[in-house]
Amino acid sequence: GGTETARAPGLKRKVSLHLRLDGERHLRLRLVCAVEHRSAQQIVTQALDEFLDRQPDNAALAGRSTK
C-alpha cells in the first residue's frame, strides 16, 4: 500500500517532474528505497505532501479541507 493523497476536484491527471539530485542525496534515497521496499516516487511524493500540508493556507488554495 502507498499513502492516499487528497486532491482538488478535477486534478486527477498526473504530470511529470524532473528532479536533479547530487550524488549523496541520490545514494541515500536509493538506500532508503531498498530498505523500505518503496519506490523513489512514493518516498518523494510522501515528503512533498507532508511539506505542502505544513504550508499556511495551502489547504484552502488547493481546495482541500484541513486535517
Protein backbone atom coordinates (compact mmCIF):
# COMPACT_ATOMS: atom_id res chain seq x y z
CA GLY A 1 0.00 0.00 0.00
CA GLY A 2 1.08 3.58 -0.60
CA THR A 3 -0.43 6.59 1.02
CA GLU A 4 -3.53 8.22 -0.35
CA THR A 5 -3.34 11.90 -1.09
CA ALA A 6 -6.25 14.32 -1.13
CA ARG A 7 -6.56 16.23 -4.38
CA ALA A 8 -8.63 19.11 -5.53
CA PRO A 9 -11.53 18.07 -7.76
CA GLY A 10 -10.56 17.82 -11.42
CA LEU A 11 -6.82 17.37 -10.77
CA LYS A 12 -6.62 13.62 -11.42
CA ARG A 13 -4.15 13.92 -14.31
CA LYS A 14 -0.55 13.21 -13.39
CA VAL A 15 2.30 15.34 -14.68
CA SER A 16 5.98 14.59 -14.94
CA LEU A 17 8.59 16.43 -12.87
CA HIS A 18 12.33 16.12 -13.41
CA LEU A 19 14.38 16.30 -10.20
CA ARG A 20 18.14 16.73 -10.10
CA LEU A 21 19.92 15.43 -7.01
CA ASP A 22 23.55 15.47 -6.02
CA GLY A 23 25.25 12.10 -5.73
CA GLU A 24 24.99 11.85 -1.96
CA ARG A 25 21.23 12.54 -1.88
CA HIS A 26 20.65 10.12 -4.73
CA LEU A 27 22.58 7.36 -2.96
CA ARG A 28 20.75 7.98 0.32
CA LEU A 29 17.38 7.91 -1.45
CA ARG A 30 18.27 4.66 -3.22
CA LEU A 31 19.33 3.07 0.08
CA VAL A 32 16.04 4.07 1.73
CA CYS A 33 14.13 2.69 -1.26
CA ALA A 34 15.88 -0.66 -0.88
CA VAL A 35 15.45 -0.87 2.90
CA GLU A 36 11.79 0.21 2.92
CA HIS A 37 10.83 -1.61 -0.30
CA ARG A 38 9.30 1.59 -1.66
CA SER A 39 9.91 3.49 -4.86
CA ALA A 40 11.59 6.87 -5.02
CA GLN A 41 8.27 8.17 -6.40
CA GLN A 42 6.44 7.03 -3.26
CA ILE A 43 9.03 8.48 -0.89
CA VAL A 44 9.36 11.84 -2.63
CA THR A 45 5.58 12.17 -3.04
CA GLN A 46 5.02 11.49 0.67
CA ALA A 47 7.72 14.00 1.65
CA LEU A 48 6.23 16.63 -0.68
CA ASP A 49 2.71 16.05 0.66
CA GLU A 50 3.94 16.44 4.24
CA PHE A 51 5.79 19.64 3.33
CA LEU A 52 2.80 21.11 1.48
CA ASP A 53 0.43 20.24 4.34
CA ARG A 54 2.58 22.37 6.68
CA GLN A 55 2.36 25.47 4.46
CA PRO A 56 -0.02 28.24 5.60
CA ASP A 57 -3.24 28.41 3.58
CA ASN A 58 -2.12 25.52 1.39
CA ALA A 59 -5.29 23.52 2.04
CA ALA A 60 -7.50 26.47 1.11
CA LEU A 61 -5.50 27.22 -2.04
CA ALA A 62 -5.77 23.63 -3.22
CA GLY A 63 -9.46 23.38 -2.38
CA ARG A 64 -8.76 20.84 0.36
CA SER A 65 -10.13 20.71 3.86
CA THR A 66 -7.65 20.90 6.71
CA LYS A 67 -6.90 17.82 8.76
